[in-house]
Amino acid sequence: MSLIIEKKQIKNWLKELKKEFQVIDTRNSILPAKQYFLPPKEDIFIFNKKTKRLTNSSYQRKTLIFGLDLNDLEAMTQLDEIMKNPQPDFFYWQKREKSVLVGLTEESFGPAPGGDIIFKKINPYQYQAMILTEKGEEIINSPFFKKNKTRANEDFKDKLGSFRKILLDSEVLADAVAWSIGHKIWDELAKKCLSCGICTYVCPLCYCFSVEDKVNLDNAKCVRCRQWDACTLPHFARIAGGHNFHKTIKERYYNWFYHKFVRAYREYGRSQCVACGRCQRYCPAGIDIEKVLSEILEDYKKVKK
């Protein structure tokens, strides 16, 4: 048994939910869903010198994120795991626990990649709703939905794209990227890369941040702020005293790949990439991550024969 909602009723359902949730439609967003739980910039606590009190931002309102595709749902599942280990990130989870994720897709899929509800288009006028969690069940019990005897997602056929196929064997990919440290491709990419950090900002699984303290002109209040950072930026690896562990673009760009495909595999057993294509689509230098990985894998396999 599954639930069906008419396409024209989805707006009405979301309108009804606005009474309880802040509803955000992500379908036209360049930035991934991580921005709502790990914002580009946020004050994490404030210290008042006069009262000697330390306070942190409090997030009370519940949020419903609507329109996530299958890649973004998978990325959020992985990001939740990252933000839970080795210690839960308090500021991430105080927002994440009050949220509901609703996916929207025209594709068939096997095991659900994540989220609380997934709407799958079954014809030009209707969507089938797959309820995945208790959170999802609580908000889908409404007159906008009707029961249907058709089994959910029964027409699934696993059709992997070329990028997805590369990610299937995370172990080989990790070995290949680690091996490639002396490969000529990094010199070639260093000439193209602008060190702008866009690939990191649009990636649903990049989560590095920097922390800075700001003091009011009257010296009465100090605010600690954390904001997105990127390992491709010139000062990311600079430490006190001025030493920079990754001075060159070549070192920084390789480090970005190393983290996503080598370190991530060793820590979590898979690459921190879901083949969403954002980094390729928005890179001003036109760097194609799939082509880079394909070349590395091809040369690695030749050497290892």
Protein backbone atom coordinates (compact mmCIF):
# COMPACT_ATOMS: atom_id res chain seq x y z
CA MET A 1 0.00 0.00 0.00
CA SER A 2 1.31 3.47 -0.88
CA LEU A 3 0.04 7.04 -0.76
CA ILE A 4 -0.66 9.24 -3.77
CA ILE A 5 -0.81 13.02 -3.94
CA GLU A 6 -1.99 15.05 -6.91
CA LYS A 7 0.72 17.34 -8.29
CA LYS A 8 -1.55 20.37 -7.94
CA GLN A 9 -2.12 19.54 -4.26
CA ILE A 10 1.56 19.61 -3.24
CA LYS A 11 1.52 23.42 -2.93
CA ASN A 12 -1.56 23.23 -0.73
CA TRP A 13 0.05 20.56 1.46
CA LEU A 14 3.17 22.72 1.90
CA LYS A 15 1.00 25.77 2.63
CA GLU A 16 -0.72 23.83 5.40
CA LEU A 17 2.64 22.77 6.85
CA LYS A 18 3.80 26.41 7.05
CA LYS A 19 1.63 26.74 10.14
CA GLU A 20 4.11 24.50 11.95
CA PHE A 21 7.30 24.60 9.88
CA GLN A 22 9.57 26.99 8.11
CA VAL A 23 9.19 25.49 4.62
CA ILE A 24 12.15 25.84 2.24
CA ASP A 25 11.98 24.77 -1.41
CA THR A 26 15.47 23.80 -2.60
CA ARG A 27 14.72 22.96 -6.23
CA ASN A 28 16.37 26.09 -7.69
CA SER A 29 19.15 26.38 -5.13
CA ILE A 30 22.79 26.37 -6.19
CA LEU A 31 23.96 25.60 -2.66
CA PRO A 32 23.21 22.15 -1.17
CA ALA A 33 21.02 21.41 1.84
CA LYS A 34 24.00 21.53 4.23
CA GLN A 35 23.59 25.34 4.25
CA TYR A 36 20.56 25.03 6.55
CA PHE A 37 22.40 23.02 9.21
CA LEU A 38 25.97 24.18 8.70
CA PRO A 39 25.39 27.78 7.51
CA PRO A 40 28.00 29.68 5.47
CA LYS A 41 28.43 31.91 8.52
CA GLU A 42 26.96 31.65 12.01
CA ASP A 43 27.56 33.04 15.49
CA ILE A 44 28.02 30.05 17.76
CA PHE A 45 28.24 31.88 21.08
CA ILE A 46 28.38 35.35 22.59
CA PHE A 47 30.28 36.43 25.71
CA ASN A 48 29.07 39.56 27.51
CA LYS A 49 31.91 41.11 29.51
CA LYS A 50 29.60 43.15 31.70
CA THR A 51 27.36 40.31 32.83
CA LYS A 52 30.09 37.66 32.48
CA ARG A 53 27.49 35.47 30.74
CA LEU A 54 28.09 33.12 27.85
CA THR A 55 25.12 32.43 25.56
CA ASN A 56 24.72 30.51 22.33
CA SER A 57 22.22 30.81 19.52
CA SER A 58 19.04 28.82 20.03
CA TYR A 59 17.04 27.34 17.16
CA GLN A 60 13.45 26.58 18.13
CA ARG A 61 11.46 26.62 14.90
CA LYS A 62 11.08 23.41 12.95
CA THR A 63 12.20 23.38 9.32
CA LEU A 64 10.96 21.36 6.36
CA ILE A 65 13.36 21.12 3.43
CA PHE A 66 11.45 20.26 0.26
CA GLY A 67 12.57 19.19 -3.20
CA LEU A 68 15.84 17.36 -2.49
CA ASP A 69 16.94 15.01 -5.27
CA LEU A 70 18.30 11.51 -4.65
CA ASN A 71 21.94 12.68 -4.62
CA ASP A 72 21.22 15.32 -2.00
CA LEU A 73 19.31 12.87 0.16
CA GLU A 74 22.26 10.49 0.07
CA ALA A 75 24.65 13.35 0.84
CA MET A 76 22.58 14.38 3.88
CA THR A 77 22.68 10.80 5.17
CA GLN A 78 26.48 10.84 4.91
CA LEU A 79 26.78 14.34 6.40
CA ASP A 80 24.70 13.25 9.40
CA GLU A 81 27.19 10.44 10.00
CA ILE A 82 30.14 12.81 9.68
CA MET A 83 28.61 15.33 12.07
CA LYS A 84 27.93 12.60 14.61
CA ASN A 85 31.44 11.17 14.79
CA PRO A 86 33.69 11.18 16.69
CA GLN A 87 31.59 13.69 18.70
CA PRO A 88 28.21 15.17 17.72
CA ASP A 89 28.44 18.72 16.41
CA PHE A 90 26.10 20.56 18.77
CA PHE A 91 25.36 23.51 16.47
CA TYR A 92 24.63 21.26 13.50
CA TRP A 93 22.38 18.87 15.42
CA GLN A 94 20.29 21.48 17.22
CA LYS A 95 19.06 22.51 13.76
CA ARG A 96 19.10 19.09 12.12
CA GLU A 97 16.98 17.40 14.80
CA LYS A 98 14.22 19.96 14.23
CA SER A 99 14.15 19.36 10.48
CA VAL A 100 12.25 17.17 8.04
CA LEU A 101 13.72 16.27 4.63
CA VAL A 102 11.39 15.69 1.70
CA GLY A 103 12.79 14.31 -1.55
CA LEU A 104 11.34 14.83 -5.02
CA THR A 105 12.32 12.69 -8.01
CA GLU A 106 11.25 11.35 -11.37
CA GLU A 107 13.81 8.53 -11.13
CA SER A 108 13.22 5.03 -9.84
CA PHE A 109 15.44 3.95 -6.95
CA GLY A 110 16.22 0.91 -4.84
CA PRO A 111 16.90 1.35 -1.13
CA ALA A 112 15.94 4.88 -0.14
CA PRO A 113 19.10 7.05 0.03
CA GLY A 114 17.82 9.12 2.95
CA GLY A 115 15.27 11.70 4.01
CA ASP A 116 11.93 11.38 5.79
CA ILE A 117 9.63 11.28 2.76
CA ILE A 118 10.32 10.84 -0.95
CA PHE A 119 7.84 11.89 -3.63
CA LYS A 120 8.29 9.95 -6.87
CA LYS A 121 6.55 11.13 -10.02
CA ILE A 122 4.38 8.33 -11.46
CA ASN A 123 2.61 10.31 -14.18
CA PRO A 124 2.23 13.96 -15.24
CA TYR A 125 -0.41 14.55 -12.57
CA GLN A 126 0.51 12.43 -9.54
CA TYR A 127 3.33 11.61 -7.14
CA GLN A 128 3.74 8.53 -5.01
CA ALA A 129 4.82 9.23 -1.43
CA MET A 130 7.28 6.90 0.29
CA ILE A 131 7.31 7.40 4.07
CA LEU A 132 10.70 6.57 5.57
CA THR A 133 10.64 7.82 9.17
CA GLU A 134 8.31 8.65 12.03
CA LYS A 135 8.87 12.33 11.26
CA GLY A 136 7.57 11.72 7.77
CA GLU A 137 4.59 9.75 8.98
CA GLU A 138 3.54 12.55 11.33
CA ILE A 139 3.18 15.15 8.57
CA ILE A 140 1.77 13.04 5.74
CA ASN A 141 -1.44 12.02 7.46
CA SER A 142 -3.68 14.55 5.75
CA PRO A 143 -6.60 14.70 3.29
CA PHE A 144 -4.19 15.67 0.51
CA PHE A 145 -3.10 12.02 0.23
CA LYS A 146 -5.06 8.97 -0.84
CA LYS A 147 -4.22 5.29 -0.58
CA ASN A 148 -3.14 3.26 -3.60
CA LYS A 149 -2.62 -0.49 -3.92
CA THR A 150 0.40 -0.14 -6.21
CA ARG A 151 3.66 -1.09 -4.51
CA ALA A 152 6.08 1.79 -4.18
CA ASN A 153 8.90 1.99 -6.70
CA GLU A 154 8.20 -1.42 -8.22
CA ASP A 155 9.61 -0.41 -11.63
CA PHE A 156 13.14 0.15 -10.31
CA LYS A 157 16.02 -0.70 -12.62
CA ASP A 158 19.51 0.19 -11.52
CA LYS A 159 20.98 2.36 -14.30
CA LEU A 160 24.25 3.81 -13.09
CA GLY A 161 25.85 6.76 -14.84
CA SER A 162 29.57 6.75 -15.63
CA PHE A 163 30.45 8.88 -12.59
CA ARG A 164 28.47 6.60 -10.28
CA LYS A 165 30.31 3.58 -11.65
CA ILE A 166 33.63 5.19 -10.72
CA LEU A 167 32.43 5.62 -7.13
CA LEU A 168 31.27 2.02 -6.79
CA ASP A 169 34.69 0.70 -5.79
CA SER A 170 35.75 3.19 -3.13
CA GLU A 171 38.75 1.07 -2.14
CA VAL A 172 40.33 1.06 -5.60
CA LEU A 173 39.55 4.76 -5.99
CA ALA A 174 41.22 5.55 -2.65
CA ASP A 175 44.31 3.55 -3.64
CA ALA A 176 44.47 5.27 -7.03
CA VAL A 177 44.18 8.82 -5.66
CA ALA A 178 46.79 8.10 -2.95
CA TRP A 179 49.11 6.66 -5.63
CA SER A 180 48.59 9.69 -7.91
CA ILE A 181 50.40 12.21 -5.68
CA GLY A 182 53.25 12.42 -8.22
CA HIS A 183 51.01 12.28 -11.30
CA LYS A 184 51.36 14.98 -13.96
CA ILE A 185 47.63 15.72 -13.77
CA TRP A 186 48.11 17.79 -10.61
CA ASP A 187 50.55 20.12 -12.38
CA GLU A 188 48.05 20.49 -15.22
CA LEU A 189 45.17 21.20 -12.86
CA ALA A 190 47.26 23.69 -10.86
CA LYS A 191 47.47 25.82 -14.01
CA LYS A 192 43.66 25.78 -14.35
CA CYS A 193 42.47 25.99 -10.73
CA LEU A 194 41.72 29.53 -9.51
CA SER A 195 41.75 28.61 -5.79
CA CYS A 196 38.31 30.19 -5.49
CA GLY A 197 36.80 27.49 -3.26
CA ILE A 198 33.55 27.23 -5.24
CA CYS A 199 33.88 23.45 -5.61
CA THR A 200 33.90 23.19 -1.82
CA TYR A 201 31.05 25.60 -1.20
CA VAL A 202 28.66 23.87 -3.62
CA CYS A 203 29.65 20.36 -2.53
CA PRO A 204 27.01 18.75 -0.28
CA LEU A 205 29.73 16.86 1.61
CA CYS A 206 32.44 19.45 2.20
CA TYR A 207 32.20 20.63 5.80
CA CYS A 208 35.46 22.39 6.72
CA PHE A 209 35.09 25.68 8.58
CA SER A 210 37.21 28.32 10.26
CA VAL A 211 36.52 30.09 13.55
CA GLU A 212 37.09 33.74 14.42
CA ASP A 213 36.30 36.00 17.37
CA LYS A 214 34.82 39.48 16.90
CA VAL A 215 34.89 42.12 19.65
CA ASN A 216 32.57 45.14 19.74
CA LEU A 217 34.14 48.59 19.54
CA ASP A 218 33.09 49.25 23.16
CA ASN A 219 34.81 45.99 24.19
CA ALA A 220 31.61 44.86 25.94
CA LYS A 221 30.78 41.82 23.85
CA CYS A 222 32.74 39.10 22.07
CA VAL A 223 31.15 36.89 19.40
CA ARG A 224 32.65 33.63 18.22
CA CYS A 225 31.72 32.94 14.60
CA ARG A 226 32.33 29.94 12.41
CA GLN A 227 32.17 30.10 8.64
CA TRP A 228 32.77 27.88 5.65
CA ASP A 229 36.37 27.40 4.64
CA ALA A 230 37.96 25.48 1.79
CA CYS A 231 41.20 23.53 1.57
CA THR A 232 41.77 25.00 -1.89
CA LEU A 233 42.03 28.54 -0.48
CA PRO A 234 45.56 29.99 -0.02
CA HIS A 235 45.42 30.44 3.77
CA PHE A 236 43.52 27.29 4.75
CA ALA A 237 46.62 25.40 5.94
CA ARG A 238 48.47 28.40 7.38
CA ILE A 239 49.18 28.24 11.10
CA ALA A 240 50.43 30.59 13.81
CA GLY A 241 53.87 31.91 12.89
CA GLY A 242 52.98 32.05 9.22
CA HIS A 243 53.96 28.55 8.11
CA ASN A 244 51.71 27.17 5.37
CA PHE A 245 51.55 23.38 4.93
CA HIS A 246 50.02 23.71 1.44
CA LYS A 247 51.56 26.76 -0.18
CA THR A 248 50.88 25.86 -3.80
CA ILE A 249 47.65 25.37 -5.72
CA LYS A 250 48.90 21.92 -6.71
CA GLU A 251 49.24 20.83 -3.07
CA ARG A 252 45.88 22.29 -2.08
CA TYR A 253 43.94 20.82 -4.96
CA TYR A 254 45.43 17.37 -4.47
CA ASN A 255 44.56 17.63 -0.77
CA TRP A 256 40.91 18.24 -1.70
CA PHE A 257 40.86 15.00 -3.71
CA TYR A 258 42.80 13.15 -1.01
CA HIS A 259 40.28 14.09 1.66
CA LYS A 260 37.24 13.14 -0.42
CA PHE A 261 38.52 9.85 -1.83
CA VAL A 262 41.33 8.58 0.43
CA ARG A 263 40.84 9.88 3.96
CA ALA A 264 37.04 9.57 3.71
CA TYR A 265 37.31 5.94 2.63
CA ARG A 266 39.67 5.13 5.50
CA GLU A 267 37.39 6.81 8.05
CA TYR A 268 33.91 5.96 6.73
CA GLY A 269 34.40 3.19 4.18
CA ARG A 270 33.26 5.23 1.17
CA SER A 271 34.09 8.32 -0.85
CA GLN A 272 32.65 11.63 0.25
CA CYS A 273 31.10 12.25 -3.14
CA VAL A 274 27.63 11.44 -4.50
CA ALA A 275 28.21 12.39 -8.15
CA CYS A 276 25.83 15.36 -7.93
CA GLY A 277 27.92 17.24 -10.50
CA ARG A 278 27.83 20.62 -8.75
CA CYS A 279 31.60 21.07 -8.65
CA GLN A 280 31.80 20.42 -12.41
CA ARG A 281 28.81 22.63 -13.19
CA TYR A 282 29.93 25.68 -11.23
CA CYS A 283 33.73 25.52 -11.55
CA PRO A 284 34.73 28.76 -13.35
CA ALA A 285 37.83 26.97 -14.70
CA GLY A 286 35.77 24.14 -16.19
CA ILE A 287 37.50 21.34 -14.25
CA ASP A 288 35.64 18.04 -14.60
CA ILE A 289 36.12 15.82 -11.54
CA GLU A 290 34.87 12.74 -13.37
CA LYS A 291 37.49 13.12 -16.11
CA VAL A 292 40.21 13.70 -13.52
CA LEU A 293 39.31 10.52 -11.63
CA SER A 294 38.96 8.52 -14.85
CA GLU A 295 42.47 9.47 -15.96
CA ILE A 296 43.96 8.65 -12.56
CA LEU A 297 42.21 5.27 -12.44
CA GLU A 298 43.26 4.37 -15.97
CA ASP A 299 46.94 5.09 -15.30
CA TYR A 300 46.81 3.42 -11.88
CA LYS A 301 45.40 0.20 -13.35
CA LYS A 302 48.10 0.16 -16.03
CA VAL A 303 50.83 0.40 -13.39
CA LYS A 304 49.24 -2.25 -11.17
CA LYS A 305 48.78 -4.86 -13.93
